[in-house]
Amino acid sequence: MSLSEKYQQLINDGQLNVDDAQSNAIHLLELLNQHLVNQPKAKLKLPLTNFPWLQRFSRQQSLKGIYLWGKVGRGKTMMMDLFYQNLNIGRKQRMHFHHFMAQTHQQLTLLVGQVNPLSVIAKNLANEIDVLCFDEFFVSDIGDAMILAGLFAELFNQGVVLVTTSNCQPEQLYRNGLQRQRFLPTIDLLNKYCQVVSVNGEKDHRLHQQKYARYIYPLETPNNFLEEEFYLRTNKMLERGKITINSRELTYIGIASDTIFFDFSMLCKGARSQLDYISLAKQFKCIFVANVPQFSGTVLEHVVSGTEEGYRRSENIFTGMHSKDDEARRFIALVDEFYDQNIELFISSEVDILKLYCGEKLSFEFARCESRLVEMQSEHYPQKT
């Protein structure tokens, strides 16, 4: 069954709604799929078609990837996953962007002293894969921004094909970031080697799901729902204990086999990081999180300890600098990781999913988090693998 046929089947089954922007993107992804299967790791020469976004490409011009962008709820991840699952080649890899960058930084540490370590990393990767699929291309870290141009230049030079999703156009990546001028070559490379495809539209597919299966609110509603669901899945009552994650103890409310129950404060307050969520996703398939607050972005009174950095902040100079956005960032990272690893996530919260964040600073990033939480309520989630 072709990519277009699988997409149409999802529409016929009622899992998706008809969407012209999605249909156009699916056709382009299918065309790329065909060329990759017929001539992997070769310069892809795409013929002119009736699709307007391809008309500016001549028959002699190479295309090495696709950059899908659009606001949240537009089905970008779904389309990329369909492409990846339907791509009949062995040398491919699909990963979240932050995982890729974490691996890159670890490899750079091991290659200290090497001449052009980015070239070494790219060559090693190109020896293993022909196609790299990124989900959620979003740059906020200056360390990532400084190395991406060199890394992407080497990857494209090695013939690696990039298919990625993002909430924004390449020109909006790392907007207002420190030393952004050093990131601009990355944008040039994306525009040169990837066809930039907009899947924007008025329809928000987050709202296709009418009821929440794994998200209960408000907190006035007893948490019995989570407790009962935990018992049904594990045949065990809640019993507090501690688990060691990345050399630090983490208190849980209940645990059994591949299922664990936490209070929000244990996961998103204090010295927690993305690495903790990665470790949890490797150990558990079902995770319960109770008492998720509404994130206001308001300033808290005092900081006793650091966040991801792990250092202490007890000096008076830091008083009043900690905000609930720190907790919101960790919650975004938690949802991103659990979504990407197909974790079944149960939540109790103060408010509806679409009202979780009422601050300003992280509104763009949190929109993606809300979208994923809604998708995770679907009867079709998690995907069976």
Protein backbone atom coordinates (compact mmCIF):
# COMPACT_ATOMS: atom_id res chain seq x y z
CA MET A 1 0.00 0.00 0.00
CA SER A 2 1.42 3.40 -0.99
CA LEU A 3 1.82 6.35 1.35
CA SER A 4 -1.15 8.14 -0.24
CA GLU A 5 -3.28 5.03 0.07
CA LYS A 6 -2.43 4.65 3.77
CA TYR A 7 -3.28 8.31 4.34
CA GLN A 8 -6.61 7.89 2.54
CA GLN A 9 -7.33 4.77 4.59
CA LEU A 10 -6.93 6.80 7.81
CA ILE A 11 -9.48 9.27 6.45
CA ASN A 12 -11.85 6.47 5.46
CA ASP A 13 -11.53 4.94 8.95
CA GLY A 14 -12.43 8.27 10.57
CA GLN A 15 -9.04 8.72 12.20
CA LEU A 16 -8.28 11.80 10.08
CA ASN A 17 -10.30 14.54 8.42
CA VAL A 18 -9.87 15.68 4.82
CA ASP A 19 -7.22 18.43 4.66
CA ASP A 20 -5.88 19.87 1.39
CA ALA A 21 -2.57 21.05 2.86
CA GLN A 22 -1.93 17.60 4.31
CA SER A 23 -2.84 15.91 1.03
CA ASN A 24 -0.36 18.09 -0.86
CA ALA A 25 2.39 17.32 1.64
CA ILE A 26 1.64 13.59 1.47
CA HIS A 27 2.03 13.64 -2.32
CA LEU A 28 5.43 15.31 -2.02
CA LEU A 29 6.55 12.89 0.69
CA GLU A 30 5.48 9.99 -1.50
CA LEU A 31 7.50 11.37 -4.40
CA LEU A 32 10.56 11.63 -2.17
CA ASN A 33 9.89 8.11 -0.92
CA GLN A 34 9.92 6.74 -4.46
CA HIS A 35 13.20 8.43 -5.35
CA LEU A 36 14.85 7.26 -2.14
CA VAL A 37 13.87 3.66 -2.79
CA ASN A 38 14.99 3.82 -6.43
CA GLN A 39 18.25 5.69 -5.86
CA PRO A 40 19.19 5.86 -2.17
CA LYS A 41 21.96 8.22 -1.14
CA ALA A 42 21.98 9.83 -4.59
CA LYS A 43 21.16 13.32 -5.67
CA LEU A 44 17.42 13.28 -6.05
CA LYS A 45 16.23 14.71 -9.33
CA LEU A 46 12.54 15.43 -8.98
CA PRO A 47 10.53 16.11 -12.15
CA LEU A 48 8.26 19.09 -12.41
CA THR A 49 4.71 18.33 -11.31
CA ASN A 50 1.48 20.19 -10.95
CA PHE A 51 2.31 20.97 -7.33
CA PRO A 52 3.10 24.69 -7.06
CA TRP A 53 5.89 24.23 -4.50
CA LEU A 54 7.84 22.06 -6.98
CA GLN A 55 7.58 24.39 -9.97
CA ARG A 56 10.69 26.35 -9.03
CA PHE A 57 12.83 23.19 -9.22
CA SER A 58 14.32 22.21 -12.58
CA ARG A 59 14.93 18.61 -13.65
CA GLN A 60 18.63 19.07 -13.00
CA GLN A 61 18.32 20.48 -9.50
CA SER A 62 18.83 18.12 -6.58
CA LEU A 63 16.55 17.88 -3.57
CA LYS A 64 17.85 16.27 -0.39
CA GLY A 65 14.98 16.54 2.02
CA ILE A 66 11.70 18.03 3.16
CA TYR A 67 11.00 20.56 5.90
CA LEU A 68 7.34 20.40 7.01
CA TRP A 69 6.20 23.41 9.01
CA GLY A 70 2.91 24.66 10.41
CA LYS A 71 1.21 25.59 13.64
CA VAL A 72 0.31 23.00 16.22
CA GLY A 73 -2.47 20.57 15.47
CA ARG A 74 -1.73 20.36 11.75
CA GLY A 75 -0.61 16.71 11.68
CA LYS A 76 3.08 17.23 10.91
CA THR A 77 4.34 14.41 13.11
CA MET A 78 1.66 12.07 11.80
CA MET A 79 2.72 12.71 8.20
CA MET A 80 6.41 12.30 8.92
CA ASP A 81 5.74 9.04 10.75
CA LEU A 82 3.66 7.75 7.82
CA PHE A 83 6.57 8.60 5.52
CA TYR A 84 9.07 6.86 7.78
CA GLN A 85 6.97 3.73 8.26
CA ASN A 86 6.30 3.47 4.54
CA LEU A 87 9.93 4.06 3.49
CA ASN A 88 11.16 0.67 2.35
CA ILE A 89 14.86 1.06 3.05
CA GLY A 90 16.82 -0.23 6.02
CA ARG A 91 19.26 2.64 6.50
CA LYS A 92 16.93 5.14 8.12
CA GLN A 93 16.52 6.69 11.56
CA ARG A 94 13.69 8.63 13.22
CA MET A 95 14.37 10.61 16.37
CA HIS A 96 13.39 13.71 18.30
CA PHE A 97 15.59 16.71 17.55
CA HIS A 98 16.69 17.19 21.16
CA HIS A 99 17.86 13.54 21.29
CA PHE A 100 19.97 14.09 18.21
CA MET A 101 21.59 17.20 19.66
CA ALA A 102 22.23 15.51 23.01
CA GLN A 103 24.02 12.68 21.21
CA THR A 104 26.00 15.17 19.14
CA HIS A 105 27.24 17.04 22.20
CA GLN A 106 28.24 13.76 23.86
CA GLN A 107 30.21 12.76 20.77
CA LEU A 108 31.88 16.17 20.59
CA THR A 109 33.10 15.67 24.16
CA LEU A 110 34.67 12.35 23.17
CA LEU A 111 36.30 13.92 20.09
CA VAL A 112 38.02 16.81 21.85
CA GLY A 113 41.33 17.45 20.10
CA GLN A 114 40.23 15.96 16.78
CA VAL A 115 40.48 18.02 13.61
CA ASN A 116 36.94 18.94 12.46
CA PRO A 117 35.01 16.68 14.86
CA LEU A 118 31.69 17.60 13.18
CA SER A 119 32.96 15.98 10.00
CA VAL A 120 33.82 12.83 11.94
CA ILE A 121 30.33 12.71 13.50
CA ALA A 122 28.66 13.26 10.12
CA LYS A 123 30.74 10.58 8.38
CA ASN A 124 30.03 8.06 11.14
CA LEU A 125 26.32 8.77 10.87
CA ALA A 126 26.38 8.62 7.06
CA ASN A 127 28.03 5.19 7.27
CA GLU A 128 24.91 3.95 9.09
CA ILE A 129 21.94 5.80 7.57
CA ASP A 130 20.72 7.36 4.34
CA VAL A 131 17.65 9.12 5.73
CA LEU A 132 17.32 11.06 8.98
CA CYS A 133 13.86 12.05 10.23
CA PHE A 134 13.64 14.75 12.91
CA ASP A 135 10.52 15.58 14.88
CA GLU A 136 10.13 19.07 16.35
CA PHE A 137 13.02 21.06 14.91
CA PHE A 138 13.18 23.90 17.40
CA VAL A 139 16.40 25.65 18.45
CA SER A 140 16.61 27.53 21.75
CA ASP A 141 20.04 26.55 23.05
CA ILE A 142 23.05 28.62 22.00
CA GLY A 143 25.25 25.53 22.10
CA ASP A 144 23.05 23.84 19.51
CA ALA A 145 22.83 26.97 17.39
CA MET A 146 26.61 27.33 17.18
CA ILE A 147 27.29 23.87 15.73
CA LEU A 148 24.28 23.19 13.50
CA ALA A 149 25.59 24.90 10.37
CA GLY A 150 28.83 22.92 10.39
CA LEU A 151 27.06 19.67 11.24
CA PHE A 152 24.34 20.02 8.60
CA ALA A 153 26.85 21.04 5.93
CA GLU A 154 28.79 17.83 6.60
CA LEU A 155 25.66 15.66 6.68
CA PHE A 156 24.34 17.03 3.39
CA ASN A 157 27.79 16.67 1.86
CA GLN A 158 27.73 13.00 2.87
CA GLY A 159 24.40 12.54 1.09
CA VAL A 160 22.19 12.16 4.15
CA VAL A 161 18.56 13.06 3.40
CA LEU A 162 16.73 15.10 6.05
CA VAL A 163 12.97 15.04 6.62
CA THR A 164 11.87 17.20 9.54
CA THR A 165 8.91 18.92 11.16
CA SER A 166 8.77 22.31 12.83
CA ASN A 167 6.23 24.79 14.10
CA CYS A 168 7.90 27.62 12.20
CA GLN A 169 9.58 28.46 8.91
CA PRO A 170 13.38 28.11 8.78
CA GLU A 171 13.73 31.91 8.87
CA GLN A 172 12.01 31.98 12.27
CA LEU A 173 14.25 29.40 13.91
CA TYR A 174 16.31 30.66 16.86
CA ARG A 175 14.64 34.05 16.48
CA ASN A 176 16.06 36.59 18.97
CA GLY A 177 18.65 34.00 20.07
CA LEU A 178 22.10 34.98 21.29
CA GLN A 179 24.63 35.45 18.45
CA ARG A 180 21.92 34.55 15.97
CA GLN A 181 24.09 35.66 13.06
CA ARG A 182 26.15 32.51 13.57
CA PHE A 183 22.99 30.45 13.11
CA LEU A 184 21.97 32.07 9.80
CA PRO A 185 24.09 29.66 7.68
CA THR A 186 21.94 26.83 9.08
CA ILE A 187 18.84 28.51 7.68
CA ASP A 188 20.56 28.90 4.31
CA LEU A 189 21.41 25.17 4.29
CA LEU A 190 17.85 24.15 5.14
CA ASN A 191 16.48 26.28 2.32
CA LYS A 192 19.08 24.97 -0.11
CA TYR A 193 18.85 21.26 0.64
CA CYS A 194 15.26 20.86 1.81
CA GLN A 195 11.97 21.66 0.15
CA VAL A 196 10.15 23.85 2.67
CA VAL A 197 6.48 22.83 2.74
CA SER A 198 3.78 24.70 4.65
CA VAL A 199 0.96 22.62 6.10
CA ASN A 200 -0.71 25.60 7.74
CA GLY A 201 -4.48 25.80 7.64
CA GLU A 202 -7.52 26.85 9.61
CA LYS A 203 -8.38 23.36 10.83
CA ASP A 204 -6.89 22.36 14.18
CA HIS A 205 -6.81 18.55 14.22
CA ARG A 206 -6.26 18.59 17.97
CA LEU A 207 -9.96 19.23 18.32
CA HIS A 208 -10.94 16.16 16.31
CA GLN A 209 -10.82 14.16 19.54
CA GLN A 210 -13.93 15.13 21.55
CA LYS A 211 -13.21 13.50 24.89
CA TYR A 212 -10.21 12.89 27.12
CA ALA A 213 -9.41 9.28 27.89
CA ARG A 214 -6.34 9.76 30.11
CA TYR A 215 -6.65 13.33 31.38
CA ILE A 216 -8.97 14.25 34.26
CA TYR A 217 -9.81 17.75 35.57
CA PRO A 218 -10.50 19.72 37.70
CA LEU A 219 -8.73 18.60 40.84
CA GLU A 220 -11.99 18.97 42.76
CA THR A 221 -12.84 15.75 40.97
CA PRO A 222 -11.32 13.05 43.21
CA ASN A 223 -8.09 11.45 42.08
CA ASN A 224 -9.86 8.12 42.49
CA PHE A 225 -9.94 7.82 38.69
CA LEU A 226 -6.16 7.60 38.52
CA GLU A 227 -5.95 5.31 41.52
CA GLU A 228 -8.61 2.98 40.14
CA GLU A 229 -6.97 2.94 36.70
CA PHE A 230 -3.62 2.15 38.31
CA TYR A 231 -5.20 -0.75 40.23
CA LEU A 232 -6.97 -2.09 37.13
CA ARG A 233 -3.69 -2.12 35.21
CA THR A 234 -1.42 -3.48 37.93
CA ASN A 235 -3.68 -5.22 40.49
CA LYS A 236 -1.76 -3.28 43.14
CA MET A 237 -2.66 -0.54 45.59
CA LEU A 238 -0.66 2.68 45.73
CA GLU A 239 2.36 2.49 48.03
CA ARG A 240 5.04 5.15 48.23
CA GLY A 241 8.67 4.40 47.63
CA LYS A 242 11.80 5.65 45.91
CA ILE A 243 13.52 4.86 42.65
CA THR A 244 17.01 5.92 41.58
CA ILE A 245 17.12 7.81 38.27
CA ASN A 246 20.47 9.14 37.02
CA SER A 247 22.04 8.72 40.46
CA ARG A 248 19.28 10.69 42.20
CA GLU A 249 16.34 9.39 44.21
CA LEU A 250 12.86 10.04 42.90
CA THR A 251 9.80 9.47 45.10
CA TYR A 252 6.87 7.66 43.53
CA ILE A 253 3.31 7.06 44.78
CA GLY A 254 2.95 3.60 43.27
CA ILE A 255 4.91 1.17 41.13
CA ALA A 256 4.35 -2.19 39.44
CA SER A 257 6.23 -3.79 36.57
CA ASP A 258 6.20 -1.30 33.66
CA THR A 259 3.82 1.19 35.37
CA ILE A 260 4.65 4.00 37.81
CA PHE A 261 2.63 6.74 39.58
CA PHE A 262 4.06 10.19 40.50
CA ASP A 263 2.92 13.48 41.90
CA PHE A 264 3.71 16.38 39.57
CA SER A 265 5.99 18.00 42.16
CA MET A 266 8.29 14.98 42.14
CA LEU A 267 8.82 15.14 38.37
CA CYS A 268 8.85 18.85 37.53
CA LYS A 269 10.10 20.70 40.59
CA GLY A 270 13.66 20.80 41.82
CA ALA A 271 16.71 19.35 40.08
CA ARG A 272 15.05 17.44 37.22
CA SER A 273 16.12 17.34 33.60
CA GLN A 274 15.32 15.86 30.21
CA LEU A 275 17.68 12.98 31.01
CA ASP A 276 15.40 11.91 33.86
CA TYR A 277 12.42 11.69 31.52
CA ILE A 278 14.47 9.78 28.97
CA SER A 279 15.43 7.24 31.65
CA LEU A 280 11.83 6.87 32.83
CA ALA A 281 10.62 6.31 29.28
CA LYS A 282 13.13 3.49 28.90
CA GLN A 283 11.95 1.75 32.07
CA PHE A 284 8.16 2.23 31.99
CA LYS A 285 5.39 1.99 29.40
CA CYS A 286 2.64 3.62 31.45
CA ILE A 287 3.16 6.68 33.71
CA PHE A 288 0.64 8.43 35.98
CA VAL A 289 1.14 12.09 36.97
CA ALA A 290 -1.23 13.61 39.53
CA ASN A 291 -1.91 17.25 40.42
CA VAL A 292 -0.56 19.07 37.36
CA PRO A 293 -1.11 22.81 38.01
CA GLN A 294 -2.06 25.60 35.67
CA PHE A 295 1.18 27.30 34.61
CA SER A 296 0.88 31.04 35.13
CA GLY A 297 4.47 32.13 34.59
CA THR A 298 4.28 34.10 37.84
CA VAL A 299 7.42 34.70 39.90
CA LEU A 300 7.95 32.64 43.03
CA GLU A 301 9.45 34.16 46.16
CA HIS A 302 12.78 32.41 46.57
CA VAL A 303 15.05 29.85 44.99
CA VAL A 304 16.76 27.33 47.22
CA SER A 305 18.27 25.07 44.59
CA GLY A 306 19.00 25.03 40.89
CA THR A 307 16.94 23.45 38.17
CA GLU A 308 18.49 21.44 35.34
CA GLU A 309 21.97 22.77 36.07
CA GLY A 310 22.00 21.09 39.48
CA TYR A 311 23.84 23.80 41.37
CA ARG A 312 22.62 25.53 44.53
CA ARG A 313 21.18 29.05 44.41
CA SER A 314 20.94 30.13 48.00
CA GLU A 315 22.41 33.63 47.59
CA ASN A 316 20.09 36.61 48.02
CA ILE A 317 20.91 37.76 44.48
CA PHE A 318 18.70 35.00 43.12
CA THR A 319 15.71 35.79 45.34
CA GLY A 320 12.56 36.25 43.27
CA MET A 321 14.12 35.06 40.01
CA HIS A 322 12.49 31.63 39.90
CA SER A 323 9.20 31.39 38.03
CA LYS A 324 6.66 28.72 37.30
CA ASP A 325 7.97 28.77 33.74
CA ASP A 326 10.80 26.57 35.04
CA GLU A 327 8.20 23.95 35.93
CA ALA A 328 6.44 24.50 32.60
CA ARG A 329 9.70 23.89 30.71
CA ARG A 330 10.20 20.60 32.52
CA PHE A 331 6.61 19.59 31.86
CA ILE A 332 7.06 20.35 28.15
CA ALA A 333 10.19 18.20 28.13
CA LEU A 334 8.33 15.41 29.96
CA VAL A 335 5.42 15.39 27.51
CA ASP A 336 7.76 15.59 24.49
CA GLU A 337 9.75 12.59 25.66
CA PHE A 338 6.79 10.44 26.66
CA TYR A 339 4.98 11.25 23.41
CA ASP A 340 8.05 10.48 21.34
CA GLN A 341 8.59 7.15 23.12
CA ASN A 342 4.93 6.13 22.86
CA ILE A 343 4.35 6.18 26.63
CA GLU A 344 0.77 5.96 27.88
CA LEU A 345 0.42 9.02 30.12
CA PHE A 346 -2.39 9.54 32.65
CA ILE A 347 -2.81 12.98 34.20
CA SER A 348 -4.96 14.76 36.76
CA SER A 349 -4.89 18.55 36.58
CA GLU A 350 -6.46 21.77 37.76
CA VAL A 351 -7.66 22.78 34.29
CA ASP A 352 -8.46 21.59 30.78
CA ILE A 353 -5.49 20.78 28.53
CA LEU A 354 -5.99 23.86 26.37
CA LYS A 355 -5.91 26.10 29.46
CA LEU A 356 -2.79 24.65 31.07
CA TYR A 357 -0.52 27.56 30.20
CA CYS A 358 -1.62 31.15 30.72
CA GLY A 359 1.79 32.84 30.76
CA GLU A 360 3.45 34.58 27.82
CA LYS A 361 7.11 33.57 27.57
CA LEU A 362 6.52 29.91 26.67
CA SER A 363 3.22 30.25 24.83
CA PHE A 364 4.74 29.14 21.51
CA GLU A 365 6.47 26.09 22.99
CA PHE A 366 3.50 25.12 25.16
CA ALA A 367 1.10 25.11 22.23
CA ARG A 368 2.95 22.05 20.92
CA CYS A 369 2.75 20.44 24.35
CA GLU A 370 -1.02 20.94 24.49
CA SER A 371 -1.37 19.51 21.00
CA ARG A 372 0.50 16.38 21.98
CA LEU A 373 -1.47 15.93 25.18
CA VAL A 374 -4.72 16.07 23.22
CA GLU A 375 -3.42 13.54 20.71
CA MET A 376 -2.40 11.26 23.57
CA GLN A 377 -6.07 11.06 24.58
CA SER A 378 -7.02 9.32 21.35
CA GLU A 379 -8.15 5.71 21.40
CA HIS A 380 -5.52 5.11 18.73
CA TYR A 381 -2.72 6.21 21.09
CA PRO A 382 -0.32 4.71 21.95
CA GLN A 383 0.55 3.24 18.58
CA LYS A 384 1.01 -0.50 18.82
CA THR A 385 4.55 -1.52 17.86
